[in-house]
C-alpha atoms as a PDB file:
ATOM      1  CA  UNK A   1      63.256  -8.704  -3.057  1.00  0.00           C
ATOM      2  CA  UNK A   2      64.693  -5.303  -2.462  1.00  0.00           C
ATOM      3  CA  UNK A   3      65.541  -4.275   1.058  1.00  0.00           C
ATOM      4  CA  UNK A   4      65.269  -0.552   1.468  1.00  0.00           C
ATOM      5  CA  UNK A   5      68.660   0.903   1.927  1.00  0.00           C
ATOM      6  CA  UNK A   6      69.025   3.678   4.439  1.00  0.00           C
ATOM      7  CA  UNK A   7      71.095   6.512   3.178  1.00  0.00           C
ATOM      8  CA  UNK A   8      72.664   8.697   5.793  1.00  0.00           C
ATOM      9  CA  UNK A   9      73.354  12.291   4.962  1.00  0.00           C
ATOM     10  CA  UNK A  10      76.576  13.277   6.692  1.00  0.00           C
ATOM     11  CA  UNK A  11      75.427  16.883   7.131  1.00  0.00           C
ATOM     12  CA  UNK A  12      72.379  15.839   9.171  1.00  0.00           C
ATOM     13  CA  UNK A  13      73.031  15.515  12.846  1.00  0.00           C
ATOM     14  CA  UNK A  14      72.174  12.148  14.220  1.00  0.00           C
ATOM     15  CA  UNK A  15      70.877  13.440  17.507  1.00  0.00           C
ATOM     16  CA  UNK A  16      68.139  16.122  17.507  1.00  0.00           C
ATOM     17  CA  UNK A  17      68.642  19.245  19.605  1.00  0.00           C
ATOM     18  CA  UNK A  18      66.861  19.635  22.959  1.00  0.00           C
ATOM     19  CA  UNK A  19      64.224  22.332  22.456  1.00  0.00           C
ATOM     20  CA  UNK A  20      63.225  22.621  26.089  1.00  0.00           C
ATOM     21  CA  UNK A  21      66.726  23.644  27.097  1.00  0.00           C
ATOM     22  CA  UNK A  22      67.194  27.369  26.549  1.00  0.00           C
ATOM     23  CA  UNK A  23      70.961  27.160  26.870  1.00  0.00           C
ATOM     24  CA  UNK A  24      72.511  29.281  24.099  1.00  0.00           C
ATOM     25  CA  UNK A  25      69.287  30.467  22.551  1.00  0.00           C
ATOM     26  CA  UNK A  26      68.508  34.166  22.661  1.00  0.00           C
ATOM     27  CA  UNK A  27      65.624  35.219  24.832  1.00  0.00           C
ATOM     28  CA  UNK A  28      62.515  36.125  22.951  1.00  0.00           C
ATOM     29  CA  UNK A  29      60.396  39.104  23.824  1.00  0.00           C
ATOM     30  CA  UNK A  30      57.283  38.320  25.814  1.00  0.00           C
ATOM     31  CA  UNK A  31      54.094  37.885  23.915  1.00  0.00           C
ATOM     32  CA  UNK A  32      51.819  40.846  23.989  1.00  0.00           C
ATOM     33  CA  UNK A  33      48.704  40.223  25.964  1.00  0.00           C
ATOM     34  CA  UNK A  34      45.553  41.094  24.176  1.00  0.00           C
ATOM     35  CA  UNK A  35      42.901  42.708  26.194  1.00  0.00           C
ATOM     36  CA  UNK A  36      39.457  41.563  25.256  1.00  0.00           C
ATOM     37  CA  UNK A  37      36.988  44.310  25.229  1.00  0.00           C
ATOM     38  CA  UNK A  38      33.865  43.220  26.924  1.00  0.00           C
ATOM     39  CA  UNK A  39      31.029  43.341  24.528  1.00  0.00           C
ATOM     40  CA  UNK A  40      27.692  43.995  26.056  1.00  0.00           C
ATOM     41  CA  UNK A  41      25.200  41.166  25.677  1.00  0.00           C
ATOM     42  CA  UNK A  42      22.861  41.610  22.773  1.00  0.00           C
ATOM     43  CA  UNK A  43      19.822  43.520  23.652  1.00  0.00           C
ATOM     44  CA  UNK A  44      16.680  41.470  23.759  1.00  0.00           C
ATOM     45  CA  UNK A  45      14.548  42.586  20.901  1.00  0.00           C
ATOM     46  CA  UNK A  46      11.352  44.169  21.875  1.00  0.00           C
ATOM     47  CA  UNK A  47       8.601  43.419  19.432  1.00  0.00           C
ATOM     48  CA  UNK A  48       6.136  46.062  18.632  1.00  0.00           C
ATOM     49  CA  UNK A  49       2.412  45.462  18.791  1.00  0.00           C
ATOM     50  CA  UNK A  50       2.247  45.494  14.989  1.00  0.00           C
ATOM     51  CA  UNK A  51       4.887  42.748  14.776  1.00  0.00           C
ATOM     52  CA  UNK A  52       3.053  40.692  17.425  1.00  0.00           C
ATOM     53  CA  UNK A  53      -0.210  41.124  15.548  1.00  0.00           C
ATOM     54  CA  UNK A  54       1.507  40.130  12.285  1.00  0.00           C
ATOM     55  CA  UNK A  55       2.995  36.988  13.889  1.00  0.00           C
ATOM     56  CA  UNK A  56      -0.383  36.097  15.406  1.00  0.00           C
ATOM     57  CA  UNK A  57      -2.022  36.570  12.003  1.00  0.00           C
ATOM     58  CA  UNK A  58       0.650  34.374  10.343  1.00  0.00           C
ATOM     59  CA  UNK A  59       0.240  31.713  13.055  1.00  0.00           C
ATOM     60  CA  UNK A  60      -3.534  31.742  12.622  1.00  0.00           C
ATOM     61  CA  UNK A  61      -3.139  31.503   8.850  1.00  0.00           C
ATOM     62  CA  UNK A  62      -0.737  28.566   9.277  1.00  0.00           C
ATOM     63  CA  UNK A  63      -3.157  26.796  11.641  1.00  0.00           C
ATOM     64  CA  UNK A  64      -6.024  27.354   9.179  1.00  0.00           C
ATOM     65  CA  UNK A  65      -3.914  25.894   6.351  1.00  0.00           C
ATOM     66  CA  UNK A  66      -3.079  22.877   8.504  1.00  0.00           C
ATOM     67  CA  UNK A  67      -6.746  22.394   9.403  1.00  0.00           C
ATOM     68  CA  UNK A  68      -7.685  22.639   5.706  1.00  0.00           C
ATOM     69  CA  UNK A  69      -5.004  20.071   4.816  1.00  0.00           C
ATOM     70  CA  UNK A  70      -6.260  17.727   7.550  1.00  0.00           C
ATOM     71  CA  UNK A  71      -9.821  18.146   6.262  1.00  0.00           C
ATOM     72  CA  UNK A  72      -8.691  17.326   2.722  1.00  0.00           C
ATOM     73  CA  UNK A  73      -6.771  14.276   3.963  1.00  0.00           C
ATOM     74  CA  UNK A  74      -9.765  13.097   5.997  1.00  0.00           C
ATOM     75  CA  UNK A  75     -12.071  13.587   2.995  1.00  0.00           C
ATOM     76  CA  UNK A  76      -9.650  11.645   0.810  1.00  0.00           C
ATOM     77  CA  UNK A  77      -9.408   8.832   3.370  1.00  0.00           C
ATOM     78  CA  UNK A  78     -13.211   8.687   3.692  1.00  0.00           C
ATOM     79  CA  UNK A  79     -13.613   8.691  -0.103  1.00  0.00           C
ATOM     80  CA  UNK A  80     -11.031   5.904  -0.391  1.00  0.00           C
ATOM     81  CA  UNK A  81     -12.810   3.868   2.305  1.00  0.00           C
ATOM     82  CA  UNK A  82     -16.176   4.366   0.569  1.00  0.00           C
ATOM     83  CA  UNK A  83     -14.662   3.319  -2.757  1.00  0.00           C
ATOM     84  CA  UNK A  84     -13.150   0.192  -1.202  1.00  0.00           C
ATOM     85  CA  UNK A  85     -16.475  -0.663   0.460  1.00  0.00           C
ATOM     86  CA  UNK A  86     -18.302  -0.177  -2.849  1.00  0.00           C
ATOM     87  CA  UNK A  87     -15.782  -2.367  -4.665  1.00  0.00           C
ATOM     88  CA  UNK A  88     -16.184  -5.031  -1.970  1.00  0.00           C
ATOM     89  CA  UNK A  89     -19.982  -4.921  -2.338  1.00  0.00           C
ATOM     90  CA  UNK A  90     -19.697  -5.195  -6.131  1.00  0.00           C
ATOM     91  CA  UNK A  91     -17.309  -8.119  -5.784  1.00  0.00           C
ATOM     92  CA  UNK A  92     -19.663  -9.913  -3.410  1.00  0.00           C
ATOM     93  CA  UNK A  93     -22.604  -9.189  -5.726  1.00  0.00           C
ATOM     94  CA  UNK A  94     -20.688 -10.629  -8.713  1.00  0.00           C
ATOM     95  CA  UNK A  95     -19.869 -13.713  -6.635  1.00  0.00           C
ATOM     96  CA  UNK A  96     -23.550 -14.177  -5.747  1.00  0.00           C
ATOM     97  CA  UNK A  97     -24.538 -13.756  -9.408  1.00  0.00           C
ATOM     98  CA  UNK A  98     -21.947 -16.297 -10.468  1.00  0.00           C
ATOM     99  CA  UNK A  99     -23.146 -18.763  -7.815  1.00  0.00           C
ATOM    100  CA  UNK A 100     -26.748 -18.258  -8.976  1.00  0.00           C
ATOM    101  CA  UNK A 101     -25.720 -18.837 -12.610  1.00  0.00           C
ATOM    102  CA  UNK A 102     -23.899 -22.022 -11.613  1.00  0.00           C
ATOM    103  CA  UNK A 103     -26.954 -23.214  -9.662  1.00  0.00           C
ATOM    104  CA  UNK A 104     -29.256 -22.492 -12.629  1.00  0.00           C
ATOM    105  CA  UNK A 105     -26.877 -24.239 -15.032  1.00  0.00           C
ATOM    106  CA  UNK A 106     -26.770 -27.336 -12.803  1.00  0.00           C
ATOM    107  CA  UNK A 107     -30.546 -27.310 -12.483  1.00  0.00           C
ATOM    108  CA  UNK A 108     -30.925 -27.040 -16.270  1.00  0.00           C
ATOM    109  CA  UNK A 109     -28.480 -29.920 -16.736  1.00  0.00           C
ATOM    110  CA  UNK A 110     -30.444 -32.081 -14.302  1.00  0.00           C
ATOM    111  CA  UNK A 111     -33.687 -31.178 -16.096  1.00  0.00           C
ATOM    112  CA  UNK A 112     -32.174 -32.088 -19.476  1.00  0.00           C
ATOM    113  CA  UNK A 113     -30.821 -35.346 -18.095  1.00  0.00           C
ATOM    114  CA  UNK A 114     -34.220 -36.155 -16.612  1.00  0.00           C
ATOM    115  CA  UNK A 115     -35.919 -35.386 -19.918  1.00  0.00           C
ATOM    116  CA  UNK A 116     -33.410 -37.556 -21.726  1.00  0.00           C
ATOM    117  CA  UNK A 117     -33.946 -40.343 -19.197  1.00  0.00           C
ATOM    118  CA  UNK A 118     -37.717 -39.971 -19.565  1.00  0.00           C
ATOM    119  CA  UNK A 119     -37.392 -40.006 -23.367  1.00  0.00           C
ATOM    120  CA  UNK A 120     -35.277 -43.140 -23.214  1.00  0.00           C
ATOM    121  CA  UNK A 121     -37.787 -44.769 -20.869  1.00  0.00           C
ATOM    122  CA  UNK A 122     -40.673 -43.724 -23.124  1.00  0.00           C
ATOM    123  CA  UNK A 123     -38.853 -45.142 -26.152  1.00  0.00           C
ATOM    124  CA  UNK A 124     -38.322 -48.406 -24.310  1.00  0.00           C
ATOM    125  CA  UNK A 125     -42.017 -48.528 -23.340  1.00  0.00           C
ATOM    126  CA  UNK A 126     -43.048 -47.829 -26.931  1.00  0.00           C
ATOM    127  CA  UNK A 127     -40.626 -50.457 -28.170  1.00  0.00           C
ATOM    128  CA  UNK A 128     -42.029 -52.988 -25.697  1.00  0.00           C
ATOM    129  CA  UNK A 129     -45.599 -52.070 -26.661  1.00  0.00           C
ATOM    130  CA  UNK A 130     -44.758 -52.555 -30.355  1.00  0.00           C
ATOM    131  CA  UNK A 131     -43.147 -55.866 -29.509  1.00  0.00           C
ATOM    132  CA  UNK A 132     -46.185 -56.891 -27.476  1.00  0.00           C
ATOM    133  CA  UNK A 133     -48.540 -55.891 -30.302  1.00  0.00           C
ATOM    134  CA  UNK A 134     -46.416 -57.821 -32.765  1.00  0.00           C
ATOM    135  CA  UNK A 135     -46.468 -60.870 -30.496  1.00  0.00           C
ATOM    136  CA  UNK A 136     -50.237 -60.529 -30.032  1.00  0.00           C
ATOM    137  CA  UNK A 137     -50.677 -60.252 -33.777  1.00  0.00           C
ATOM    138  CA  UNK A 138     -48.504 -63.328 -34.218  1.00  0.00           C
ATOM    139  CA  UNK A 139     -50.528 -65.162 -31.560  1.00  0.00           C
ATOM    140  CA  UNK A 140     -53.801 -64.282 -33.282  1.00  0.00           C
ATOM    141  CA  UNK A 141     -52.433 -65.364 -36.654  1.00  0.00           C
ATOM    142  CA  UNK A 142     -51.251 -68.593 -35.074  1.00  0.00           C
ATOM    143  CA  UNK A 143     -54.700 -69.101 -33.556  1.00  0.00           C
ATOM    144  CA  UNK A 144     -56.356 -68.494 -36.901  1.00  0.00           C
ATOM    145  CA  UNK A 145     -54.036 -70.946 -38.523  1.00  0.00           C
ATOM    146  CA  UNK A 146     -54.757 -73.531 -35.848  1.00  0.00           C
ATOM    147  CA  UNK A 147     -58.492 -73.039 -36.339  1.00  0.00           C
ATOM    148  CA  UNK A 148     -58.092 -73.536 -40.076  1.00  0.00           C
ATOM    149  CA  UNK A 149     -55.995 -76.594 -39.428  1.00  0.00           C
ATOM    150  CA  UNK A 150     -58.620 -77.968 -37.064  1.00  0.00           C
ATOM    151  CA  UNK A 151     -61.308 -77.428 -39.695  1.00  0.00           C
ATOM    152  CA  UNK A 152     -59.412 -79.271 -42.265  1.00  0.00           C
END
């Protein structure tokens, strides 16, 4: 939409000056050279026997703390493993108990079904025996009637 318009300031020179050419420029004084004073290397510290003993004591204390932490971690890991093993044993024991309960329930159901079957069979036998007795009674009555008929 809008094209940027370039405004030219008439006071600004279009061509920049050459800075590497020293033509009319005044000469500048030389830079002062700074002399570095050589500093001696730092002296290596010499530790006293007391400092060495203190560092050894601190190192030993640190190692003892680390050993104690490792022992605590190992105890915790062993305790966790024992707990997991105990939970696994309890789980397996509950599974065995459940399987035993299911087996007993199925056995009881079979026993009840067998008793029911036996009861039904016994009822049928008793019914047939009653029927047979009734038929025998009828036969004997019929025989008695035939005998009376023959007498008459």
